[in-house]
């Protein structure tokens, strides 16, 4: 029974692995996984937070309405509401009429307040709107950055796989040569040190392959952290276009942040301007008249316009200074980033041309060194070359191949950096 369960479990794992490997078979599907991962969803949340800030700013244009209930006690009778003098004289002449004064007063009602003109509300709302747009641009740039990381990581996997295959080919070649060395040592045509040398060379290949496996784990961990996908092999991808230079789109979020800080600075200054506010209140008051103890219940309503003119506001002066410094700091950051990205873009474009040339040169060099290696094998077998010299030719081939594979990976990564800087659609360039 246990064996049967183990077999069923093994088959289930195998089927799941096959389905999983078929699920992610191109770079576009990896991009789709990125868009649903928490790394990308975090940008959506930031956009919603910015939109909430915009809604909060505009909400200050709406009236505030509050209900209230209140109990007042006074050691001497206090007016429940203002009484016109003529009405009060009539109440004094007729003691049977309860006068609206009491030591215990119960009140309930509503208040309303509405801005008519508050200059700072409008730039604050505009700032919140600009921050929302900045968050949207930042989401786009972050997605491009993460897509560029995926393409770069995948290109590194291809580089490692190609290098691993080259090392395996070198190992097979050296194992075959080792058989010939063993024969030469047994026949006395070569010293035993030759056998040690080639055995050590094979061992060094295994060490390099193990180091590659460790680096591969690091790269696949990066991909998994962004997509939730654990790759066992690199994904096929093709370049279907190239970058388009122009405006530095990577700076768009920062540009809008600078504009938002400028609007915030303006809003803080405009808080020193006069503000006109409408206020109104309604209250129902009840209590026992102090002159005859009769229960009294009356209503009282007020409506007014209030003009507020700040004369001295030390804390607001500090807020204005802070707003100015925030604006200047972000503007300085934008200027600095513009210079850095401009120089980086120029350097990357020049590097891309040089990398293309390097790839062609390395490809030619690999062919030539493979030919030299074939000649070296024949020379060693005919005792015209030492073991040490032969191993150098083996090393030269691997070294040149590693340079070629690395240049191919560097080309992908350089292209992706340019796409991020110029805000190009990576999904249209890499398929």
Protein backbone atom coordinates (compact mmCIF):
# COMPACT_ATOMS: atom_id res chain seq x y z
CA UNK A 1 0.00 0.00 0.00
CA UNK A 2 2.80 2.39 0.90
CA UNK A 3 4.57 1.58 -2.37
CA UNK A 4 1.35 2.26 -4.30
CA UNK A 5 0.94 5.66 -2.61
CA UNK A 6 4.57 6.51 -3.33
CA UNK A 7 4.14 5.67 -7.03
CA UNK A 8 0.93 7.76 -7.26
CA UNK A 9 2.67 10.68 -5.53
CA UNK A 10 5.66 10.44 -7.88
CA UNK A 11 3.40 10.41 -10.94
CA UNK A 12 1.49 13.44 -9.61
CA UNK A 13 4.72 15.36 -9.11
CA UNK A 14 5.90 14.43 -12.62
CA UNK A 15 2.63 15.55 -14.21
CA UNK A 16 2.71 18.81 -12.23
CA UNK A 17 6.29 19.49 -13.30
CA UNK A 18 5.44 18.91 -16.95
CA UNK A 19 2.38 21.16 -16.76
CA UNK A 20 4.42 23.82 -14.97
CA UNK A 21 7.19 23.78 -17.55
CA UNK A 22 4.61 24.07 -20.34
CA UNK A 23 2.91 26.94 -18.55
CA UNK A 24 5.93 29.26 -18.78
CA UNK A 25 7.52 28.73 -22.16
CA UNK A 26 8.24 32.27 -23.37
CA UNK A 27 9.32 35.58 -21.92
CA UNK A 28 5.87 37.12 -22.50
CA UNK A 29 4.29 34.68 -20.06
CA UNK A 30 6.95 35.60 -17.52
CA UNK A 31 5.97 39.27 -17.98
CA UNK A 32 2.34 38.30 -17.31
CA UNK A 33 3.37 36.61 -14.07
CA UNK A 34 5.21 39.78 -13.06
CA UNK A 35 2.06 41.91 -13.45
CA UNK A 36 0.11 39.84 -10.92
CA UNK A 37 2.91 39.58 -8.37
CA UNK A 38 2.96 41.64 -5.12
CA UNK A 39 5.98 43.57 -6.42
CA UNK A 40 3.72 45.11 -9.09
CA UNK A 41 0.56 45.20 -6.99
CA UNK A 42 2.38 47.45 -4.51
CA UNK A 43 2.49 50.16 -7.20
CA UNK A 44 -1.27 49.81 -7.69
CA UNK A 45 -1.75 50.43 -3.98
CA UNK A 46 0.43 53.55 -4.13
CA UNK A 47 -1.71 54.88 -7.00
CA UNK A 48 -4.87 54.28 -4.97
CA UNK A 49 -3.28 56.08 -2.02
CA UNK A 50 -2.48 59.07 -4.23
CA UNK A 51 -6.04 59.10 -5.63
CA UNK A 52 -7.37 58.99 -2.07
CA UNK A 53 -5.21 62.05 -1.31
CA UNK A 54 -6.73 63.85 -4.30
CA UNK A 55 -10.25 63.00 -3.12
CA UNK A 56 -9.36 64.22 0.37
CA UNK A 57 -8.17 67.56 -0.99
CA UNK A 58 -11.31 68.15 -3.06
CA UNK A 59 -13.52 67.12 -0.14
CA UNK A 60 -12.53 70.33 1.64
CA UNK A 61 -14.72 72.20 -0.85
CA UNK A 62 -17.84 70.48 0.52
CA UNK A 63 -19.81 71.61 3.61
CA UNK A 64 -19.29 69.95 6.98
CA UNK A 65 -22.49 69.16 8.89
CA UNK A 66 -22.47 67.97 12.51
CA UNK A 67 -25.16 67.02 15.00
CA UNK A 68 -24.63 67.81 18.66
CA UNK A 69 -26.15 67.29 22.08
CA UNK A 70 -25.10 69.36 25.06
CA UNK A 71 -25.84 69.89 28.75
CA UNK A 72 -24.86 73.14 30.50
CA UNK A 73 -24.91 73.80 34.25
CA UNK A 74 -24.32 77.26 35.70
CA UNK A 75 -24.23 78.41 39.33
CA UNK A 76 -26.61 81.26 38.44
CA UNK A 77 -29.37 81.31 35.87
CA UNK A 78 -27.97 81.71 32.35
CA UNK A 79 -29.72 82.71 29.15
CA UNK A 80 -30.88 79.83 26.99
CA UNK A 81 -30.83 82.11 23.92
CA UNK A 82 -30.63 85.86 23.23
CA UNK A 83 -33.92 87.67 24.08
CA UNK A 84 -34.83 91.02 22.49
CA UNK A 85 -35.24 93.77 25.14
CA UNK A 86 -38.95 94.40 24.40
CA UNK A 87 -39.77 90.70 24.80
CA UNK A 88 -37.81 90.55 28.03
CA UNK A 89 -39.69 93.58 29.51
CA UNK A 90 -43.00 91.88 28.75
CA UNK A 91 -41.82 88.68 30.48
CA UNK A 92 -40.75 90.61 33.59
CA UNK A 93 -44.17 92.31 33.87
CA UNK A 94 -45.98 88.93 33.73
CA UNK A 95 -44.46 86.51 36.31
CA UNK A 96 -46.57 83.63 34.95
CA UNK A 97 -44.51 83.65 31.77
CA UNK A 98 -41.39 81.58 32.07
CA UNK A 99 -38.23 83.55 31.34
CA UNK A 100 -35.59 81.72 29.16
CA UNK A 101 -32.98 81.58 31.89
CA UNK A 102 -32.02 78.44 33.78
CA UNK A 103 -29.24 76.83 35.75
CA UNK A 104 -29.60 73.53 33.85
CA UNK A 105 -29.94 73.77 30.09
CA UNK A 106 -30.24 70.89 27.59
CA UNK A 107 -29.36 71.65 24.00
CA UNK A 108 -29.36 69.64 20.77
CA UNK A 109 -29.07 70.67 17.14
CA UNK A 110 -26.80 70.87 14.12
CA UNK A 111 -23.97 73.02 12.78
CA UNK A 112 -22.84 73.61 9.22
CA UNK A 113 -19.63 75.10 7.86
CA UNK A 114 -18.76 75.66 4.20
CA UNK A 115 -15.82 77.39 2.53
CA UNK A 116 -16.75 80.19 0.14
CA UNK A 117 -13.21 81.27 -0.69
CA UNK A 118 -10.13 79.46 0.66
CA UNK A 119 -7.32 80.03 -1.83
CA UNK A 120 -5.06 77.20 -0.59
CA UNK A 121 -7.61 74.45 -1.31
CA UNK A 122 -7.18 74.61 -5.08
CA UNK A 123 -3.36 74.24 -5.27
CA UNK A 124 -3.55 71.50 -2.63
CA UNK A 125 -6.07 69.62 -4.78
CA UNK A 126 -3.87 70.18 -7.84
CA UNK A 127 -0.87 68.86 -5.88
CA UNK A 128 -2.75 65.70 -4.93
CA UNK A 129 -3.78 65.20 -8.56
CA UNK A 130 -0.17 65.61 -9.69
CA UNK A 131 1.02 63.11 -7.08
CA UNK A 132 -1.51 60.59 -8.45
CA UNK A 133 -0.11 61.09 -11.95
CA UNK A 134 3.42 60.71 -10.59
CA UNK A 135 2.43 57.42 -8.95
CA UNK A 136 1.00 56.17 -12.26
CA UNK A 137 4.21 57.06 -14.09
CA UNK A 138 6.25 55.42 -11.34
CA UNK A 139 4.23 52.24 -11.75
CA UNK A 140 5.04 52.21 -15.48
CA UNK A 141 8.76 52.78 -14.87
CA UNK A 142 8.91 50.18 -12.09
CA UNK A 143 7.26 47.64 -14.39
CA UNK A 144 9.83 48.41 -17.09
CA UNK A 145 12.65 48.06 -14.55
CA UNK A 146 11.37 44.69 -13.36
CA UNK A 147 10.86 43.49 -16.94
CA UNK A 148 14.42 44.59 -17.69
CA UNK A 149 15.64 42.64 -14.66
CA UNK A 150 13.80 39.54 -15.90
CA UNK A 151 15.30 39.83 -19.38
CA UNK A 152 18.77 40.43 -17.92
CA UNK A 153 18.44 37.50 -15.53
CA UNK A 154 17.18 35.24 -18.32
CA UNK A 155 20.11 36.29 -20.52
CA UNK A 156 22.44 35.37 -17.66
CA UNK A 157 20.81 31.93 -17.50
CA UNK A 158 21.48 31.50 -21.22
CA UNK A 159 25.07 32.64 -20.66
CA UNK A 160 25.53 30.12 -17.84
CA UNK A 161 23.90 27.32 -19.80
CA UNK A 162 26.09 27.98 -22.85
CA UNK A 163 29.21 28.15 -20.68
CA UNK A 164 28.20 24.96 -18.87
CA UNK A 165 27.77 23.18 -22.20
CA UNK A 166 31.16 24.49 -23.36
CA UNK A 167 32.75 23.20 -20.14
CA UNK A 168 31.05 19.84 -20.64
CA UNK A 169 32.42 19.71 -24.18
CA UNK A 170 35.88 20.57 -22.89
CA UNK A 171 35.57 17.87 -20.24
CA UNK A 172 34.60 15.27 -22.84
CA UNK A 173 37.56 16.31 -24.98
CA UNK A 174 39.97 16.09 -22.04
CA UNK A 175 38.58 12.72 -20.94
CA UNK A 176 39.25 11.41 -24.41
CA UNK A 177 42.74 12.87 -24.30
CA UNK A 178 43.22 11.37 -20.86
CA UNK A 179 42.72 7.90 -22.32
CA UNK A 180 45.55 8.60 -24.72
CA UNK A 181 47.69 10.00 -21.88
CA UNK A 182 47.17 6.84 -19.84
CA UNK A 183 48.42 4.79 -22.79
CA UNK A 184 51.48 7.03 -23.17
CA UNK A 185 52.29 6.81 -19.46
CA UNK A 186 51.89 3.05 -19.49
CA UNK A 187 54.17 2.83 -22.53
CA UNK A 188 56.73 5.12 -20.92
CA UNK A 189 56.26 7.79 -23.55
CA UNK A 190 55.03 10.37 -21.00
CA UNK A 191 55.75 11.06 -17.32
CA UNK A 192 53.11 10.38 -14.68
CA UNK A 193 52.92 14.13 -14.07
CA UNK A 194 51.13 14.45 -17.42
CA UNK A 195 48.34 12.27 -16.09
CA UNK A 196 48.15 14.37 -12.93
CA UNK A 197 47.98 17.54 -14.97
CA UNK A 198 45.09 16.43 -17.13
CA UNK A 199 43.25 14.92 -14.14
CA UNK A 200 43.63 18.22 -12.32
CA UNK A 201 42.32 20.05 -15.40
CA UNK A 202 39.21 17.85 -15.45
CA UNK A 203 38.71 18.49 -11.73
CA UNK A 204 38.94 22.24 -12.31
CA UNK A 205 36.16 21.94 -14.89
CA UNK A 206 33.93 20.26 -12.30
CA UNK A 207 34.71 23.09 -9.86
CA UNK A 208 33.74 25.70 -12.46
CA UNK A 209 30.53 23.82 -13.26
CA UNK A 210 29.64 23.75 -9.57
CA UNK A 211 30.31 27.49 -9.25
CA UNK A 212 28.04 28.07 -12.26
CA UNK A 213 25.30 26.02 -10.60
CA UNK A 214 25.52 28.23 -7.50
CA UNK A 215 25.29 31.40 -9.58
CA UNK A 216 22.35 29.94 -11.48
CA UNK A 217 20.51 29.47 -8.17
CA UNK A 218 21.05 33.14 -7.36
CA UNK A 219 19.69 34.24 -10.75
CA UNK A 220 16.64 31.99 -10.60
CA UNK A 221 15.94 33.32 -7.09
CA UNK A 222 15.80 36.86 -8.52
CA UNK A 223 13.29 35.75 -11.16
CA UNK A 224 11.21 33.90 -8.59
CA UNK A 225 11.15 36.91 -6.25
CA UNK A 226 9.56 39.01 -9.01
CA UNK A 227 7.23 36.47 -10.62
CA UNK A 228 6.78 33.55 -8.24
CA UNK A 229 8.09 31.29 -11.02
CA UNK A 230 10.98 28.92 -10.28
CA UNK A 231 12.75 28.34 -13.60
CA UNK A 232 14.90 25.29 -14.15
CA UNK A 233 16.04 26.36 -17.62
CA UNK A 234 16.32 29.69 -19.42
CA UNK A 235 13.31 30.84 -21.43
CA UNK A 236 13.58 31.38 -25.16
CA UNK A 237 13.44 35.04 -26.16
CA UNK A 238 14.05 36.95 -29.39
CA UNK A 239 14.81 40.59 -30.07
CA UNK A 240 12.09 41.91 -32.39
CA UNK A 241 13.03 45.59 -32.21
CA UNK A 242 15.40 48.03 -30.59
CA UNK A 243 15.24 51.06 -28.32
CA UNK A 244 13.98 54.47 -29.47
CA UNK A 245 15.78 57.42 -28.00
CA UNK A 246 14.19 60.77 -27.23
CA UNK A 247 12.82 62.16 -23.98
CA UNK A 248 14.11 60.61 -20.77
CA UNK A 249 10.82 59.01 -19.73
CA UNK A 250 12.41 57.51 -16.61
CA UNK A 251 12.32 61.05 -15.16
CA UNK A 252 8.56 61.52 -15.64
CA UNK A 253 7.64 60.50 -12.06
CA UNK A 254 10.21 62.88 -10.65
CA UNK A 255 9.10 65.72 -12.97
CA UNK A 256 5.54 65.41 -11.69
CA UNK A 257 6.79 65.19 -8.11
CA UNK A 258 8.64 68.49 -8.62
CA UNK A 259 5.44 70.08 -9.97
CA UNK A 260 3.49 68.67 -7.01
CA UNK A 261 6.00 70.17 -4.56
CA UNK A 262 5.75 73.51 -6.36
CA UNK A 263 1.97 73.44 -5.93
CA UNK A 264 2.38 72.45 -2.30
CA UNK A 265 4.70 75.40 -1.72
CA UNK A 266 2.15 77.70 -3.37
CA UNK A 267 -0.64 76.27 -1.19
CA UNK A 268 1.30 76.93 1.99
CA UNK A 269 1.86 80.55 0.98
CA UNK A 270 -1.81 81.03 0.09
CA UNK A 271 -2.84 79.91 3.57
CA UNK A 272 -1.83 83.43 4.65
CA UNK A 273 -4.49 84.95 2.36
CA UNK A 274 -7.93 85.93 3.76
CA UNK A 275 -10.48 83.11 3.81
CA UNK A 276 -14.26 83.49 3.66
CA UNK A 277 -16.35 80.78 5.34
CA UNK A 278 -20.09 80.38 5.82
CA UNK A 279 -21.24 79.04 9.19
CA UNK A 280 -24.66 78.24 10.52
CA UNK A 281 -26.19 76.53 13.52
CA UNK A 282 -29.55 75.37 14.82
CA UNK A 283 -30.24 74.41 18.45
CA UNK A 284 -33.26 73.28 20.40
CA UNK A 285 -32.94 74.41 24.03
CA UNK A 286 -34.92 73.20 27.04
CA UNK A 287 -34.87 73.81 30.77
CA UNK A 288 -36.85 75.11 33.76
CA UNK A 289 -37.38 78.87 33.93
CA UNK A 290 -35.55 80.32 36.87
CA UNK A 291 -38.43 82.70 37.80
CA UNK A 292 -41.32 80.20 38.09
CA UNK A 293 -39.92 76.69 37.30
CA UNK A 294 -42.02 76.25 34.14
CA UNK A 295 -40.50 73.96 31.48
CA UNK A 296 -39.30 76.01 28.54
CA UNK A 297 -38.47 74.75 25.05
CA UNK A 298 -37.28 77.05 22.27
CA UNK A 299 -35.32 77.03 18.96
CA UNK A 300 -32.43 79.21 17.96
CA UNK A 301 -30.85 79.56 14.48
CA UNK A 302 -27.85 81.57 13.30
CA UNK A 303 -26.22 81.98 9.89
CA UNK A 304 -23.16 84.07 9.21
CA UNK A 305 -20.15 84.71 6.98
CA UNK A 306 -16.73 84.81 8.58
CA UNK A 307 -13.71 86.49 7.05
CA UNK A 308 -10.46 85.16 8.50
CA UNK A 309 -7.35 87.28 7.99
CA UNK A 310 -4.12 85.79 9.38
CA UNK A 311 -2.03 88.45 11.09
CA UNK A 312 0.65 86.34 12.78
CA UNK A 313 1.07 82.55 12.26
CA UNK A 314 4.54 81.41 13.25
CA UNK A 315 3.83 77.74 12.49
CA UNK A 316 2.59 78.64 9.01
CA UNK A 317 5.78 80.58 8.28
CA UNK A 318 7.70 77.39 9.13
CA UNK A 319 5.42 75.36 6.83
CA UNK A 320 6.08 77.80 4.00
CA UNK A 321 9.82 77.46 4.46
CA UNK A 322 9.54 73.68 4.52
CA UNK A 323 7.44 73.73 1.34
CA UNK A 324 10.03 75.89 -0.41
CA UNK A 325 12.89 73.61 0.65
CA UNK A 326 10.97 70.49 -0.48
CA UNK A 327 10.40 72.09 -3.88
CA UNK A 328 14.01 73.20 -4.27
CA UNK A 329 15.33 69.80 -3.14
CA UNK A 330 13.18 67.91 -5.65
CA UNK A 331 14.13 70.34 -8.43
CA UNK A 332 17.81 69.86 -7.62
CA UNK A 333 17.30 66.08 -7.63
CA UNK A 334 15.64 66.32 -11.05
CA UNK A 335 18.53 68.38 -12.44
CA UNK A 336 21.05 65.90 -11.06
CA UNK A 337 19.18 62.85 -12.36
CA UNK A 338 18.81 64.47 -15.79
CA UNK A 339 22.56 64.88 -16.07
CA UNK A 340 23.24 61.35 -14.83
CA UNK A 341 20.71 59.66 -17.10
CA UNK A 342 21.78 61.70 -20.13
CA UNK A 343 25.41 60.69 -19.70
CA UNK A 344 24.42 57.10 -18.90
CA UNK A 345 22.23 56.89 -22.02
CA UNK A 346 25.08 58.17 -24.19
CA UNK A 347 27.50 55.69 -22.64
CA UNK A 348 25.08 52.78 -23.06
CA UNK A 349 24.41 53.61 -26.71
CA UNK A 350 28.14 53.71 -27.43
CA UNK A 351 28.62 50.48 -25.49
CA UNK A 352 25.86 48.75 -27.45
CA UNK A 353 27.71 49.41 -30.71
CA UNK A 354 30.99 48.21 -29.22
CA UNK A 355 29.35 45.07 -27.80
CA UNK A 356 27.99 44.18 -31.24
CA UNK A 357 31.51 44.49 -32.63
CA UNK A 358 32.90 42.42 -29.76
CA UNK A 359 30.39 39.62 -30.40
CA UNK A 360 31.49 39.36 -34.04
CA UNK A 361 35.16 39.40 -33.05
CA UNK A 362 34.65 36.76 -30.33
CA UNK A 363 32.74 34.50 -32.73
CA UNK A 364 35.63 34.63 -35.20
CA UNK A 365 38.15 34.16 -32.41
CA UNK A 366 36.32 31.08 -31.05
CA UNK A 367 36.40 29.44 -34.48
CA UNK A 368 40.13 30.11 -34.83
CA UNK A 369 40.96 28.89 -31.32
CA UNK A 370 38.94 25.69 -31.87
CA UNK A 371 41.01 25.08 -35.00
CA UNK A 372 44.18 25.70 -33.02
CA UNK A 373 42.97 23.27 -30.36
CA UNK A 374 42.45 20.53 -32.97
CA UNK A 375 46.01 21.13 -34.18
CA UNK A 376 47.29 21.07 -30.57
CA UNK A 377 45.64 17.69 -29.94
CA UNK A 378 47.37 16.19 -32.95
CA UNK A 379 50.69 17.79 -31.94
CA UNK A 380 50.46 16.38 -28.41
CA UNK A 381 49.57 12.92 -29.64
CA UNK A 382 52.58 13.00 -31.94
CA UNK A 383 54.83 14.13 -29.07
CA UNK A 384 55.43 17.52 -30.66
CA UNK A 385 53.83 19.44 -27.75
CA UNK A 386 53.90 19.17 -23.97
CA UNK A 387 50.83 18.51 -21.85
CA UNK A 388 51.05 21.99 -20.32
CA UNK A 389 50.97 23.66 -23.75
CA UNK A 390 48.06 21.50 -24.89
CA UNK A 391 46.02 22.42 -21.79
CA UNK A 392 46.60 26.10 -22.55
CA UNK A 393 44.80 25.66 -25.86
CA UNK A 394 41.89 24.00 -24.06
CA UNK A 395 41.75 26.92 -21.63
CA UNK A 396 41.94 29.47 -24.44
CA UNK A 397 38.85 28.03 -26.13
CA UNK A 398 36.79 28.13 -22.92
CA UNK A 399 38.01 31.62 -22.06
CA UNK A 400 37.07 32.94 -25.48
CA UNK A 401 33.66 31.25 -25.38
CA UNK A 402 32.96 32.69 -21.94
CA UNK A 403 33.76 36.15 -23.30
CA UNK A 404 31.40 35.57 -26.22
CA UNK A 405 28.55 34.35 -24.02
CA UNK A 406 29.06 37.20 -21.56
CA UNK A 407 29.04 39.77 -24.39
CA UNK A 408 25.72 38.35 -25.60
CA UNK A 409 24.27 38.68 -22.10
CA UNK A 410 25.72 42.21 -21.78
CA UNK A 411 24.00 43.19 -25.04
CA UNK A 412 20.61 42.18 -23.65
CA UNK A 413 21.20 44.00 -20.38
CA UNK A 414 22.48 47.16 -22.08
CA UNK A 415 19.48 47.21 -24.42
CA UNK A 416 17.10 46.81 -21.47
CA UNK A 417 18.70 49.69 -19.56
CA UNK A 418 18.18 51.97 -22.56
CA UNK A 419 14.55 50.86 -22.85
CA UNK A 420 13.96 51.82 -19.22
CA UNK A 421 15.67 55.20 -19.59
CA UNK A 422 13.63 56.12 -22.68
CA UNK A 423 10.42 54.45 -21.45
CA UNK A 424 10.22 52.04 -24.41
CA UNK A 425 7.75 49.15 -24.36
CA UNK A 426 9.97 46.15 -23.59
CA UNK A 427 7.21 43.69 -24.46
CA UNK A 428 7.30 44.96 -28.06
CA UNK A 429 11.09 44.60 -28.25
CA UNK A 430 11.46 41.19 -26.60
CA UNK A 431 9.21 38.30 -27.58
